[in-house]
């Protein structure tokens, strides 16, 4: 994969998971512009649905513009109907 030469050409999207002392798990949605290395989003919750992910992406695109592409690891989080539509 080539290195983007300007902002908004490629964003990387992924989830990070951790566990609280109480044993409750939480997830963090991370979104980074691959050229500027700017963190565009850190969304933290115990449950992040596909609909919630797309709402957050829509909000960021509304303020920043649409990227040329968004890349992810194609994990199960990104296979919902809300994300693939």
C-alpha atoms as a PDB file:
ATOM      1  CA  UNK A   1       0.000   0.000   0.000  1.00  0.00           C
ATOM      2  CA  UNK A   2       1.465   3.368  -1.004  1.00  0.00           C
ATOM      3  CA  UNK A   3       1.894   6.213   1.452  1.00  0.00           C
ATOM      4  CA  UNK A   4      -0.753   8.913   0.923  1.00  0.00           C
ATOM      5  CA  UNK A   5       0.601  12.285  -0.238  1.00  0.00           C
ATOM      6  CA  UNK A   6      -2.136  14.493   1.224  1.00  0.00           C
ATOM      7  CA  UNK A   7      -4.712  14.529   4.002  1.00  0.00           C
ATOM      8  CA  UNK A   8      -8.080  12.798   3.511  1.00  0.00           C
ATOM      9  CA  UNK A   9      -6.688  10.365   0.956  1.00  0.00           C
ATOM     10  CA  UNK A  10      -6.703   7.374   3.327  1.00  0.00           C
ATOM     11  CA  UNK A  11      -8.061   6.913   6.831  1.00  0.00           C
ATOM     12  CA  UNK A  12      -7.368   3.850   8.992  1.00  0.00           C
ATOM     13  CA  UNK A  13     -10.168   2.510  11.197  1.00  0.00           C
ATOM     14  CA  UNK A  14      -9.727  -0.060  13.956  1.00  0.00           C
ATOM     15  CA  UNK A  15     -10.979  -1.171  17.357  1.00  0.00           C
ATOM     16  CA  UNK A  16      -8.968  -1.507  20.557  1.00  0.00           C
ATOM     17  CA  UNK A  17     -10.334  -3.455  23.511  1.00  0.00           C
ATOM     18  CA  UNK A  18      -9.439  -3.479  27.195  1.00  0.00           C
ATOM     19  CA  UNK A  19     -10.932  -4.500  30.522  1.00  0.00           C
ATOM     20  CA  UNK A  20     -11.695  -2.395  33.583  1.00  0.00           C
ATOM     21  CA  UNK A  21     -10.625  -3.475  37.072  1.00  0.00           C
ATOM     22  CA  UNK A  22     -14.231  -4.594  37.612  1.00  0.00           C
ATOM     23  CA  UNK A  23     -13.870  -7.055  34.725  1.00  0.00           C
ATOM     24  CA  UNK A  24     -16.161  -5.120  32.383  1.00  0.00           C
ATOM     25  CA  UNK A  25     -14.831  -4.849  28.840  1.00  0.00           C
ATOM     26  CA  UNK A  26     -14.824  -1.682  26.800  1.00  0.00           C
ATOM     27  CA  UNK A  27     -13.924  -0.868  23.216  1.00  0.00           C
ATOM     28  CA  UNK A  28     -12.361   2.122  21.540  1.00  0.00           C
ATOM     29  CA  UNK A  29     -12.977   2.962  17.901  1.00  0.00           C
ATOM     30  CA  UNK A  30      -9.874   4.647  16.473  1.00  0.00           C
ATOM     31  CA  UNK A  31      -9.769   6.621  13.240  1.00  0.00           C
ATOM     32  CA  UNK A  32      -6.493   8.113  11.938  1.00  0.00           C
ATOM     33  CA  UNK A  33      -5.640  10.121   8.832  1.00  0.00           C
ATOM     34  CA  UNK A  34      -2.688   8.159   7.428  1.00  0.00           C
ATOM     35  CA  UNK A  35      -0.956  11.228   5.949  1.00  0.00           C
ATOM     36  CA  UNK A  36      -1.182  13.694   8.848  1.00  0.00           C
ATOM     37  CA  UNK A  37      -1.242  10.927  11.526  1.00  0.00           C
ATOM     38  CA  UNK A  38      -4.016  12.986  13.122  1.00  0.00           C
ATOM     39  CA  UNK A  39      -6.418  11.092  15.340  1.00  0.00           C
ATOM     40  CA  UNK A  40      -9.849  11.921  13.944  1.00  0.00           C
ATOM     41  CA  UNK A  41     -11.843   9.862  16.423  1.00  0.00           C
ATOM     42  CA  UNK A  42     -11.568   7.952  19.682  1.00  0.00           C
ATOM     43  CA  UNK A  43     -15.038   6.664  20.502  1.00  0.00           C
ATOM     44  CA  UNK A  44     -15.196   4.716  23.787  1.00  0.00           C
ATOM     45  CA  UNK A  45     -18.087   2.555  25.019  1.00  0.00           C
ATOM     46  CA  UNK A  46     -18.914  -0.924  26.230  1.00  0.00           C
ATOM     47  CA  UNK A  47     -20.804  -1.571  23.002  1.00  0.00           C
ATOM     48  CA  UNK A  48     -20.177  -0.019  19.589  1.00  0.00           C
ATOM     49  CA  UNK A  49     -22.679  -1.101  16.953  1.00  0.00           C
ATOM     50  CA  UNK A  50     -22.253  -0.743  13.210  1.00  0.00           C
ATOM     51  CA  UNK A  51     -24.933   1.962  13.214  1.00  0.00           C
ATOM     52  CA  UNK A  52     -23.048   3.927  15.844  1.00  0.00           C
ATOM     53  CA  UNK A  53     -19.796   3.610  13.860  1.00  0.00           C
ATOM     54  CA  UNK A  54     -21.447   4.893  10.676  1.00  0.00           C
ATOM     55  CA  UNK A  55     -23.054   7.803  12.567  1.00  0.00           C
ATOM     56  CA  UNK A  56     -19.629   8.805  13.882  1.00  0.00           C
ATOM     57  CA  UNK A  57     -18.059   8.509  10.422  1.00  0.00           C
ATOM     58  CA  UNK A  58     -20.850  10.654   8.954  1.00  0.00           C
ATOM     59  CA  UNK A  59     -20.231  13.301  11.629  1.00  0.00           C
ATOM     60  CA  UNK A  60     -16.488  13.417  10.894  1.00  0.00           C
ATOM     61  CA  UNK A  61     -17.006  13.475   7.116  1.00  0.00           C
ATOM     62  CA  UNK A  62     -19.472  16.344   7.511  1.00  0.00           C
ATOM     63  CA  UNK A  63     -16.871  18.487   9.253  1.00  0.00           C
ATOM     64  CA  UNK A  64     -13.672  17.315   7.533  1.00  0.00           C
ATOM     65  CA  UNK A  65     -14.722  16.065   4.106  1.00  0.00           C
ATOM     66  CA  UNK A  66     -14.889  12.586   2.621  1.00  0.00           C
ATOM     67  CA  UNK A  67     -11.687  10.540   2.387  1.00  0.00           C
ATOM     68  CA  UNK A  68     -10.686   8.828  -0.832  1.00  0.00           C
ATOM     69  CA  UNK A  69     -10.611   5.495   1.061  1.00  0.00           C
ATOM     70  CA  UNK A  70     -11.007   4.027   4.531  1.00  0.00           C
ATOM     71  CA  UNK A  71      -8.996   0.922   5.390  1.00  0.00           C
ATOM     72  CA  UNK A  72      -9.616  -1.550   8.197  1.00  0.00           C
ATOM     73  CA  UNK A  73      -8.608  -5.068   9.144  1.00  0.00           C
ATOM     74  CA  UNK A  74     -12.042  -6.363   8.049  1.00  0.00           C
ATOM     75  CA  UNK A  75     -12.761  -7.742  11.499  1.00  0.00           C
ATOM     76  CA  UNK A  76     -16.244  -8.823  12.486  1.00  0.00           C
ATOM     77  CA  UNK A  77     -17.002  -5.270  13.630  1.00  0.00           C
ATOM     78  CA  UNK A  78     -16.970  -4.099  10.023  1.00  0.00           C
ATOM     79  CA  UNK A  79     -19.190  -6.796   8.496  1.00  0.00           C
ATOM     80  CA  UNK A  80     -22.549  -5.457   9.678  1.00  0.00           C
ATOM     81  CA  UNK A  81     -25.172  -4.239   7.220  1.00  0.00           C
ATOM     82  CA  UNK A  82     -24.884  -0.712   8.667  1.00  0.00           C
ATOM     83  CA  UNK A  83     -21.189  -0.504   7.800  1.00  0.00           C
ATOM     84  CA  UNK A  84     -21.282  -2.198   4.394  1.00  0.00           C
ATOM     85  CA  UNK A  85     -24.200  -0.122   3.052  1.00  0.00           C
END
